[in-house]
Amino acid sequence: MEEKSVNKTNTNSYTFIFAIVMVIVVGSVLAFAATSLQPMQYENMRIDKMQSILMTVGVVAQPDEAQELYEQYITEEIVLDSEGNEREGVDAFDVDLAKELKRSATEQNFPLYKANVDGEAYYIIPLRGAGLWNAIFGYISLQNDVNTIKGATFDHLGETPGLGAEITQEWFRERFAEEKIFDDTGNLVGVSVVKGNSSASKDDNKVDAISGATITGDGVSDMISERLQHYLPYFESETDVNVSNN
């Protein structure tokens, strides 16, 4: 009797081997793609960071001009320790606040950017804190009096669209312009995001909150005051402004 031929493509071993080969091929392709795209992703992050820093001092930069404008307006990048002293050998632009916040304050690096726009000097400070669902972050710039806010930018990793995610909107950022970070007695209080604050005063250390985003607003308030306090020693030693943190 003639033996029936076996179709090897229908065997379990063939299916198993084929699956392994496909996993290896697909994994290799994805790994190659990720590696190939890494330089582009890093460059996009650099450009986005430059744009955010420049935006706080009123300079709007398109991606293709961000580097040029950054070099034009950012006059100095420094890193401070918790006592306000400059740290050598640390690149301010490369400091990752997500990692820094996992360390004690005495061990952290505090980046500071100095800008000059149309003859006016500004200090730009990176921010990072916690929103409702994940991290929130941004930059805030101070005028030369180290008290008046020039501008601010905010972003997030997972806030609710239409609610907490609104911190990225221009109308919310504009509320911080000209606000003061010190109260009348010279204490650092930052700027509080307060629900129902309809006051037009720029001396009350408050801005109106986003409806339905109380926790995210509180996160913005907390990160501003928490981050700014670490720069007090530097401002006390390097400027003519008398500040305190009582």
Foldseek 3Di string as FASTA:
>chain_A
DDDDDDDPCPDPVNVVVVVVVVVVVVVVVVVVVCVVCVVVVVLVVLLVQLQQQVVQQPDHDDSVCSVVVSPVWWDDKFKAALLQDTDPPDGLSPFDVVVQVVDDRRPHIWMWIWTADPNWIKIKGKWWWAFDPGIKIWIWIDTQLLWFTQWIAMQTDDDDPPFLRCSRPPVNGVQRHRATQAAPVQAGQAAAADDPPPDPDRRPSYGHHTPPRVRSRRGVSVRRSVSSVSNVSNCCPPHPHDHDHD
